[in-house]
Amino acid sequence: MKYKVKRYILSYAFLISVLVSSIANAQEYEYKYERPLSGVNNTWHTIDIPTELYRKLNIDFSDVRILGIKANGDTIEAPYILKERSYRVDNEPVEFNLINEVKNSKGYYYTFELPTSKVVNSIELSFNKSNFNWRVSLEGSNNQQEWFTILKKNRIVGIENSNTSYKYTLLEFNNVSYKYFRIKIPAKLNPKFARAVMQEKKVTKGTYNSPIIQSFSVVENDKYNKTEVLISLKDKMPISYLNLLVTDSIDYYRSITVDYATDSIENKTGWHYIYRSLFTSTLSSLNINGYNFSNVPLKHIRITIANNDNEPLNYKEVKLHGNTHQLMARFTKPASYFLVYGNKHAYVPNYDITRFEENIPAVTTQLSIGKEVEILEQKEDEAEPLFKDDIWLWSIMIFVIFILGWFSIKMLKND
């Protein structure tokens, strides 16, 4: 009896291996597009991803591959690192000491001393106070005798109530280098100053694509006192920056939620989009610089503004841009190379070179990308897989495993 069980197990194991092989064979040819690469003459090269590719790539770029065809017909794969050419800010803290804290009829003054000469371009303030609205001034000096104005009447705000929790206390300015800094807060009551953080922000500018906006519409939801701004782009593109421009000159601060469409459904009333949250923040008259976030390929955006008990604001346009992407690839064997993509079931590749990025040369040459060619679903001279539909394959596998288990248990009981 044990021999019979073993024989059944081996038979079913062989069938499962055939099915798995069929699945692998079916997956191999699921890339829909290819573009020839020219100029491969070194080990390391860069490849800029063309703008028109984004609408065909997976959202996580998991379907991007660099394949080569050797002279003997063998296929090889070149590893790469995906680089996002993004705007980057590196904050270097600057040490200082609070040496003076005084007040007079004009307000409260806080003087800071830097032990060493440093460049400063931002100061973040904190207070043990929830609600405030001050216009502060910042001065710099090297001897505390002659003071130079850095910022004048720069507004900082703190709002805390049942609807909102918001603070804006950042002072930003051009690079300066002084031994002493003095902040003036024109407050009648003690601001309850807690601390300050001085920094030198070092900015690395990114490379951007600006999308073509196909439609921009504003919809008022009077029932819930919300405003929806709906934006559609001409093509799907990575977006990493958004700035909704308000025409009103009044002060405002309102919660906003930004969503992007991941899918769509058609019914009798037309197309309806399924949205996923991109980020939540505050739309404020104090922040006119917009919002930076991680790159997300998208085409349709929905911005929801909570008006609370306020009148809706007026919006004239939205500014958007996204970072470009680049592949840093390694080529070790002579071959005809292609950039292939367009596989919804592909996984993110795991290459060794991602762990040794510091060994990649700082200067590399860029490859040229040819025109897109659609890969035929099945070439005539290639053997077709046993099954073409993954769902049927996995269903049969599950059924076989179930039958195998059922027979095994039954035979053990009969033993």
Protein backbone atom coordinates (compact mmCIF):
# COMPACT_ATOMS: atom_id res chain seq x y z
CA MET A 1 0.00 0.00 0.00
CA LYS A 2 2.82 2.40 0.80
CA TYR A 3 4.25 1.65 -2.64
CA LYS A 4 0.93 2.63 -4.26
CA VAL A 5 0.80 5.90 -2.31
CA LYS A 6 4.35 6.70 -3.33
CA ARG A 7 3.53 5.91 -6.96
CA TYR A 8 0.54 8.27 -6.90
CA ILE A 9 2.61 11.00 -5.29
CA LEU A 10 5.31 10.71 -7.94
CA SER A 11 2.73 10.76 -10.74
CA TYR A 12 1.00 13.85 -9.47
CA ALA A 13 4.31 15.56 -8.71
CA PHE A 14 5.33 15.01 -12.33
CA LEU A 15 2.03 16.50 -13.55
CA ILE A 16 2.49 19.56 -11.30
CA SER A 17 6.04 20.07 -12.62
CA VAL A 18 4.69 20.01 -16.19
CA LEU A 19 2.07 22.61 -15.30
CA VAL A 20 4.61 24.86 -13.59
CA SER A 21 6.87 24.57 -16.64
CA SER A 22 3.93 25.57 -18.82
CA ILE A 23 3.28 28.61 -16.64
CA ALA A 24 6.92 29.67 -16.88
CA ASN A 25 6.86 29.19 -20.64
CA ALA A 26 3.68 31.25 -20.92
CA GLN A 27 5.11 34.07 -18.80
CA GLU A 28 8.31 34.30 -20.86
CA TYR A 29 6.64 35.97 -23.85
CA GLU A 30 4.28 38.37 -22.06
CA TYR A 31 6.29 41.53 -22.78
CA LYS A 32 4.34 43.50 -25.36
CA TYR A 33 6.89 46.03 -26.59
CA GLU A 34 10.58 46.34 -27.39
CA ARG A 35 12.94 49.12 -28.47
CA PRO A 36 16.45 48.52 -29.84
CA LEU A 37 19.38 50.03 -27.95
CA SER A 38 22.40 51.33 -29.81
CA GLY A 39 25.79 52.56 -28.65
CA VAL A 40 26.76 49.75 -26.28
CA ASN A 41 30.56 49.91 -26.22
CA ASN A 42 31.37 50.03 -22.49
CA THR A 43 30.41 48.17 -19.33
CA TRP A 44 28.22 50.96 -17.91
CA HIS A 45 25.64 53.02 -19.79
CA THR A 46 22.60 55.17 -18.97
CA ILE A 47 19.20 54.99 -20.65
CA ASP A 48 16.68 57.82 -20.32
CA ILE A 49 13.10 56.55 -20.25
CA PRO A 50 11.12 58.39 -22.97
CA THR A 51 8.01 60.28 -21.86
CA GLU A 52 5.68 58.26 -24.08
CA LEU A 53 6.64 55.02 -22.30
CA TYR A 54 5.09 55.90 -18.94
CA ARG A 55 1.52 55.17 -20.01
CA LYS A 56 2.52 51.60 -20.89
CA LEU A 57 4.69 50.80 -17.87
CA ASN A 58 3.56 49.32 -14.56
CA ILE A 59 3.24 51.87 -11.79
CA ASP A 60 6.32 50.45 -10.01
CA PHE A 61 8.34 50.01 -13.26
CA SER A 62 8.42 46.26 -12.53
CA ASP A 63 8.05 45.32 -16.20
CA VAL A 64 11.20 47.06 -17.46
CA ARG A 65 13.91 44.68 -18.72
CA ILE A 66 17.05 44.98 -20.82
CA LEU A 67 17.43 41.81 -22.89
CA GLY A 68 20.21 40.89 -25.28
CA ILE A 69 20.32 38.40 -28.15
CA LYS A 70 23.79 36.84 -28.56
CA ALA A 71 25.23 35.72 -31.88
CA ASN A 72 24.31 32.08 -31.13
CA GLY A 73 20.70 33.04 -30.40
CA ASP A 74 20.87 32.84 -26.61
CA THR A 75 19.00 35.48 -24.59
CA ILE A 76 20.76 37.31 -21.76
CA GLU A 77 19.58 39.98 -19.35
CA ALA A 78 21.50 43.13 -18.42
CA PRO A 79 20.99 44.34 -14.83
CA TYR A 80 20.11 47.95 -14.10
CA ILE A 81 19.38 50.44 -11.33
CA LEU A 82 16.36 52.71 -11.73
CA LYS A 83 17.32 56.29 -10.91
CA GLU A 84 14.72 58.96 -10.20
CA ARG A 85 16.17 62.32 -11.21
CA SER A 86 14.37 64.14 -8.42
CA TYR A 87 14.65 67.36 -6.48
CA ARG A 88 16.58 66.61 -3.30
CA VAL A 89 17.09 68.62 -0.12
CA ASP A 90 19.83 67.72 2.35
CA ASN A 91 19.53 69.45 5.72
CA GLU A 92 22.72 70.13 7.62
CA PRO A 93 22.02 71.21 11.23
CA VAL A 94 23.85 74.30 12.48
CA GLU A 95 24.82 74.47 16.15
CA PHE A 96 24.08 77.66 18.13
CA ASN A 97 23.45 78.98 21.63
CA LEU A 98 20.58 81.13 22.88
CA ILE A 99 22.47 83.97 24.61
CA ASN A 100 19.79 86.60 25.15
CA GLU A 101 16.03 86.72 25.68
CA VAL A 102 14.54 90.16 26.39
CA LYS A 103 11.38 92.18 25.84
CA ASN A 104 10.28 95.81 25.54
CA SER A 105 7.21 97.70 24.38
CA LYS A 106 7.77 96.52 20.80
CA GLY A 107 7.89 92.81 21.56
CA TYR A 108 10.15 89.91 22.48
CA TYR A 109 13.73 89.45 21.22
CA TYR A 110 15.78 86.24 21.03
CA THR A 111 19.50 86.38 20.19
CA PHE A 112 21.49 83.33 19.03
CA GLU A 113 25.24 82.91 18.76
CA LEU A 114 27.00 80.52 16.39
CA PRO A 115 30.25 79.06 17.83
CA THR A 116 31.74 78.70 14.34
CA SER A 117 31.16 80.42 11.03
CA LYS A 118 28.39 78.57 9.17
CA VAL A 119 26.01 79.21 6.30
CA VAL A 120 22.35 79.34 7.37
CA ASN A 121 19.24 79.59 5.18
CA SER A 122 16.37 78.30 7.35
CA ILE A 123 15.19 78.48 10.96
CA GLU A 124 12.29 76.41 12.31
CA LEU A 125 10.68 77.86 15.46
CA SER A 126 8.67 76.06 18.15
CA PHE A 127 6.46 77.52 20.89
CA ASN A 128 4.61 76.11 23.90
CA LYS A 129 1.52 77.80 22.55
CA SER A 130 -1.17 76.44 20.23
CA ASN A 131 -2.77 79.57 18.78
CA PHE A 132 -0.76 82.54 17.54
CA ASN A 133 -0.42 84.86 14.56
CA TRP A 134 2.76 86.96 14.45
CA ARG A 135 4.83 88.79 11.85
CA VAL A 136 8.41 88.21 12.92
CA SER A 137 11.63 89.86 11.80
CA LEU A 138 15.10 88.31 11.54
CA GLU A 139 18.41 90.19 11.70
CA GLY A 140 22.07 89.19 11.52
CA SER A 141 25.25 90.71 12.97
CA ASN A 142 28.92 89.92 13.49
CA ASN A 143 29.43 92.22 16.52
CA GLN A 144 25.93 92.87 17.99
CA GLN A 145 26.48 96.57 17.24
CA GLU A 146 25.43 96.74 13.60
CA TRP A 147 22.41 94.63 12.58
CA PHE A 148 21.32 93.74 9.05
CA THR A 149 17.76 92.82 8.10
CA ILE A 150 17.33 89.29 6.72
CA LEU A 151 13.52 88.97 6.95
CA LYS A 152 10.96 91.61 7.78
CA LYS A 153 7.42 90.92 9.00
CA ASN A 154 7.50 87.27 8.03
CA ARG A 155 4.23 85.67 9.11
CA ILE A 156 4.09 82.57 11.33
CA VAL A 157 0.84 80.99 12.47
CA GLY A 158 -0.46 78.34 14.87
CA ILE A 159 -4.10 77.21 14.84
CA GLU A 160 -5.58 74.55 17.11
CA ASN A 161 -9.33 73.85 17.32
CA SER A 162 -11.84 71.05 16.81
CA ASN A 163 -11.52 71.27 13.01
CA THR A 164 -7.88 72.16 12.44
CA SER A 165 -4.42 71.54 13.81
CA TYR A 166 -1.95 73.61 11.83
CA LYS A 167 1.38 75.34 12.35
CA TYR A 168 3.62 77.28 9.99
CA THR A 169 6.76 78.52 11.77
CA LEU A 170 9.49 78.13 9.14
CA LEU A 171 11.73 81.07 8.27
CA GLU A 172 13.42 80.61 4.88
CA PHE A 173 15.90 83.02 3.30
CA ASN A 174 18.97 83.21 1.08
CA ASN A 175 22.31 81.91 2.31
CA VAL A 176 23.79 84.15 5.01
CA SER A 177 26.73 83.82 7.39
CA TYR A 178 26.65 85.80 10.66
CA LYS A 179 27.97 85.17 14.13
CA TYR A 180 24.73 86.41 15.71
CA PHE A 181 21.06 86.14 14.74
CA ARG A 182 18.21 88.02 16.39
CA ILE A 183 14.50 87.24 16.08
CA LYS A 184 11.88 89.85 16.97
CA ILE A 185 8.31 88.73 17.77
CA PRO A 186 5.88 91.68 18.13
CA ALA A 187 3.69 89.98 20.77
CA LYS A 188 2.05 91.60 23.79
CA LEU A 189 2.03 88.35 25.76
CA ASN A 190 4.91 85.94 26.26
CA PRO A 191 5.23 83.77 23.08
CA LYS A 192 6.50 80.89 25.26
CA PHE A 193 9.43 80.24 22.94
CA ALA A 194 10.48 76.57 23.15
CA ARG A 195 13.32 76.05 20.69
CA ALA A 196 14.77 76.84 17.28
CA VAL A 197 16.40 74.64 14.67
CA MET A 198 18.92 76.29 12.37
CA GLN A 199 19.87 74.55 9.13
CA GLU A 200 21.69 74.92 5.89
CA LYS A 201 19.46 73.39 3.22
CA LYS A 202 21.46 72.11 0.26
CA VAL A 203 19.24 71.70 -2.78
CA THR A 204 19.96 69.41 -5.71
CA LYS A 205 17.67 70.35 -8.57
CA GLY A 206 15.93 67.55 -10.41
CA THR A 207 15.02 67.01 -14.05
CA TYR A 208 11.32 67.36 -14.82
CA ASN A 209 8.64 66.62 -17.36
CA SER A 210 5.71 69.02 -17.52
CA PRO A 211 2.47 67.28 -18.56
CA ILE A 212 -0.16 68.70 -20.90
CA ILE A 213 -3.36 69.30 -18.91
CA GLN A 214 -6.33 68.16 -20.99
CA SER A 215 -9.09 69.34 -18.64
CA PHE A 216 -9.45 71.35 -15.43
CA SER A 217 -12.85 71.64 -13.73
CA VAL A 218 -14.15 72.80 -10.34
CA VAL A 219 -17.24 71.15 -8.81
CA GLU A 220 -18.92 72.55 -5.68
CA ASN A 221 -20.53 70.07 -3.29
CA ASP A 222 -22.88 72.31 -1.29
CA LYS A 223 -24.32 69.42 0.71
CA TYR A 224 -20.98 68.62 2.37
CA ASN A 225 -19.47 72.08 1.87
CA LYS A 226 -16.58 70.71 -0.16
CA THR A 227 -14.95 71.64 -3.43
CA GLU A 228 -13.62 69.09 -5.91
CA VAL A 229 -11.02 70.03 -8.49
CA LEU A 230 -10.82 67.44 -11.27
CA ILE A 231 -7.78 67.31 -13.52
CA SER A 232 -7.06 65.09 -16.51
CA LEU A 233 -3.73 64.89 -18.31
CA LYS A 234 -3.28 64.19 -21.99
CA ASP A 235 -0.99 61.25 -21.24
CA LYS A 236 -0.13 59.20 -18.17
CA MET A 237 3.04 60.60 -16.61
CA PRO A 238 4.95 60.50 -13.30
CA ILE A 239 3.95 63.46 -11.11
CA SER A 240 5.89 64.58 -8.03
CA TYR A 241 4.81 68.21 -7.60
CA LEU A 242 1.41 69.92 -7.40
CA ASN A 243 0.47 73.55 -6.79
CA LEU A 244 -3.19 74.58 -6.82
CA LEU A 245 -3.36 78.33 -7.52
CA VAL A 246 -5.98 80.37 -5.64
CA THR A 247 -7.09 83.78 -6.96
CA ASP A 248 -8.53 85.03 -3.64
CA SER A 249 -6.38 87.53 -1.71
CA ILE A 250 -7.84 86.59 1.70
CA ASP A 251 -6.14 84.45 4.36
CA TYR A 252 -7.23 80.81 4.31
CA TYR A 253 -6.24 77.38 5.65
CA ARG A 254 -8.24 74.31 4.69
CA SER A 255 -7.71 70.56 4.67
CA ILE A 256 -7.21 68.99 1.27
CA THR A 257 -7.03 65.41 0.02
CA VAL A 258 -5.37 64.58 -3.28
CA ASP A 259 -6.33 61.30 -5.00
CA TYR A 260 -5.38 59.74 -8.33
CA ALA A 261 -7.32 57.29 -10.50
CA THR A 262 -6.06 53.72 -10.60
CA ASP A 263 -8.86 52.23 -12.70
CA SER A 264 -12.15 53.13 -14.38
CA ILE A 265 -15.60 51.56 -14.80
CA GLU A 266 -18.08 52.29 -17.56
CA ASN A 267 -21.82 52.26 -16.89
CA LYS A 268 -24.96 53.93 -18.28
CA THR A 269 -23.88 57.38 -17.08
CA GLY A 270 -20.37 57.15 -18.54
CA TRP A 271 -16.91 56.44 -17.17
CA HIS A 272 -16.31 56.50 -13.40
CA TYR A 273 -12.84 56.45 -11.87
CA ILE A 274 -11.60 54.42 -8.91
CA TYR A 275 -9.30 56.61 -6.83
CA ARG A 276 -6.42 55.99 -4.43
CA SER A 277 -5.11 58.53 -1.93
CA LEU A 278 -1.94 60.35 -2.96
CA PHE A 279 -1.55 62.63 0.08
CA THR A 280 -3.43 64.82 2.54
CA SER A 281 -2.29 68.26 3.62
CA THR A 282 -3.41 71.84 4.28
CA LEU A 283 -4.15 74.44 1.64
CA SER A 284 -2.97 77.70 3.18
CA SER A 285 -2.32 81.26 2.08
CA LEU A 286 1.00 80.96 3.93
CA ASN A 287 2.27 78.15 1.71
CA ILE A 288 2.30 79.22 -1.92
CA ASN A 289 5.11 76.89 -2.94
CA GLY A 290 2.96 73.80 -3.53
CA TYR A 291 3.55 70.18 -2.52
CA ASN A 292 6.36 67.75 -3.29
CA PHE A 293 5.82 63.98 -3.01
CA SER A 294 7.15 60.72 -4.39
CA ASN A 295 6.75 60.18 -8.12
CA VAL A 296 3.50 58.45 -9.09
CA PRO A 297 2.53 57.76 -12.74
CA LEU A 298 -1.02 59.06 -13.17
CA LYS A 299 -3.46 60.63 -15.61
CA HIS A 300 -6.51 61.68 -13.56
CA ILE A 301 -6.33 63.66 -10.30
CA ARG A 302 -9.03 64.65 -7.82
CA ILE A 303 -8.37 67.38 -5.22
CA THR A 304 -10.96 67.66 -2.44
CA ILE A 305 -10.98 70.84 -0.33
CA ALA A 306 -12.94 70.95 2.95
CA ASN A 307 -14.49 74.43 3.18
CA ASN A 308 -15.99 73.89 6.66
CA ASP A 309 -18.14 77.00 7.32
CA ASN A 310 -16.31 79.16 4.80
CA GLU A 311 -17.20 80.29 1.32
CA PRO A 312 -15.52 78.26 -1.44
CA LEU A 313 -12.27 79.64 -2.81
CA ASN A 314 -11.67 80.44 -6.46
CA TYR A 315 -9.12 78.37 -8.37
CA LYS A 316 -7.62 79.39 -11.69
CA GLU A 317 -5.19 76.57 -12.54
CA VAL A 318 -2.91 73.86 -11.26
CA LYS A 319 0.80 73.47 -11.84
CA LEU A 320 2.18 69.94 -12.15
CA HIS A 321 5.46 68.32 -12.97
CA GLY A 322 7.21 65.02 -12.45
CA ASN A 323 10.75 63.75 -12.35
CA THR A 324 12.30 61.93 -15.25
CA HIS A 325 13.73 58.42 -14.80
CA GLN A 326 16.98 56.89 -15.93
CA LEU A 327 18.34 53.36 -16.05
CA MET A 328 21.95 52.78 -15.01
CA ALA A 329 22.76 49.50 -16.74
CA ARG A 330 25.72 47.09 -16.85
CA PHE A 331 26.67 45.26 -20.06
CA THR A 332 29.22 42.45 -19.84
CA LYS A 333 28.68 40.43 -23.03
CA PRO A 334 28.41 41.35 -26.71
CA ALA A 335 24.84 41.11 -27.96
CA SER A 336 22.04 43.01 -29.68
CA TYR A 337 20.24 44.68 -26.78
CA PHE A 338 16.61 45.72 -26.45
CA LEU A 339 14.55 47.58 -23.86
CA VAL A 340 11.41 45.48 -23.34
CA TYR A 341 8.30 46.37 -21.30
CA GLY A 342 4.55 45.91 -21.05
CA ASN A 343 3.91 42.95 -18.73
CA LYS A 344 1.22 43.42 -16.08
CA HIS A 345 2.34 40.27 -14.22
CA ALA A 346 6.05 41.11 -14.03
CA TYR A 347 7.85 41.38 -10.70
CA VAL A 348 10.44 43.97 -9.68
CA PRO A 349 13.84 42.47 -10.60
CA ASN A 350 16.41 41.81 -7.88
CA TYR A 351 19.89 42.58 -9.18
CA ASP A 352 23.21 42.37 -7.30
CA ILE A 353 24.34 45.79 -8.58
CA THR A 354 21.75 47.54 -6.41
CA ARG A 355 23.90 46.62 -3.40
CA PHE A 356 27.11 48.02 -4.90
CA GLU A 357 25.91 51.33 -6.28
CA GLU A 358 29.02 53.11 -5.01
CA ASN A 359 31.12 51.14 -7.53
CA ILE A 360 29.29 52.56 -10.56
CA PRO A 361 31.37 55.17 -12.46
CA ALA A 362 30.28 58.77 -11.98
CA VAL A 363 30.44 59.43 -15.74
CA THR A 364 28.77 57.09 -18.23
CA THR A 365 27.64 57.39 -21.84
CA GLN A 366 23.99 57.41 -22.81
CA LEU A 367 22.46 54.87 -25.16
CA SER A 368 20.12 55.74 -28.00
CA ILE A 369 16.66 54.19 -27.97
CA GLY A 370 15.02 53.13 -31.22
CA LYS A 371 11.38 53.12 -32.24
CA GLU A 372 8.85 50.96 -30.43
CA VAL A 373 8.03 47.56 -31.93
CA GLU A 374 5.08 45.47 -30.74
CA ILE A 375 6.16 41.95 -29.90
CA LEU A 376 3.96 39.27 -31.47
CA GLU A 377 2.03 37.30 -28.87
CA GLN A 378 3.28 34.02 -30.29
CA LYS A 379 5.93 33.50 -32.94
CA GLU A 380 5.30 30.79 -35.52
CA ASP A 381 8.62 29.02 -35.01
CA GLU A 382 8.18 28.76 -31.25
CA ALA A 383 6.34 25.94 -29.52
CA GLU A 384 3.12 27.09 -27.91
CA PRO A 385 2.74 26.53 -24.17
CA LEU A 386 0.47 23.75 -22.99
CA PHE A 387 -1.99 26.28 -21.55
CA LYS A 388 -2.29 29.98 -22.41
CA ASP A 389 -4.47 31.24 -19.56
CA ASP A 390 -2.80 31.53 -16.14
CA ILE A 391 -6.12 31.26 -14.31
CA TRP A 392 -6.82 27.84 -15.85
CA LEU A 393 -3.30 26.70 -15.05
CA TRP A 394 -3.49 27.62 -11.40
CA SER A 395 -7.04 26.21 -11.11
CA ILE A 396 -5.87 22.86 -12.45
CA MET A 397 -2.89 22.86 -10.10
CA ILE A 398 -5.10 23.49 -7.08
CA PHE A 399 -7.49 20.75 -8.21
CA VAL A 400 -4.62 18.27 -8.69
CA ILE A 401 -3.19 19.05 -5.26
CA PHE A 402 -6.63 18.53 -3.70
CA ILE A 403 -7.10 15.17 -5.45
CA LEU A 404 -3.60 14.10 -4.44
CA GLY A 405 -4.29 14.87 -0.81
CA TRP A 406 -7.68 13.14 -0.91
CA PHE A 407 -6.26 9.94 -2.45
CA SER A 408 -3.33 9.89 -0.05
CA ILE A 409 -5.58 10.17 3.02
CA LYS A 410 -7.97 7.52 1.66
CA MET A 411 -5.17 5.06 0.96
CA LEU A 412 -3.62 5.58 4.37
CA LYS A 413 -6.98 4.84 5.99
CA ASN A 414 -7.35 1.66 3.92
CA ASP A 415 -3.80 0.53 4.84
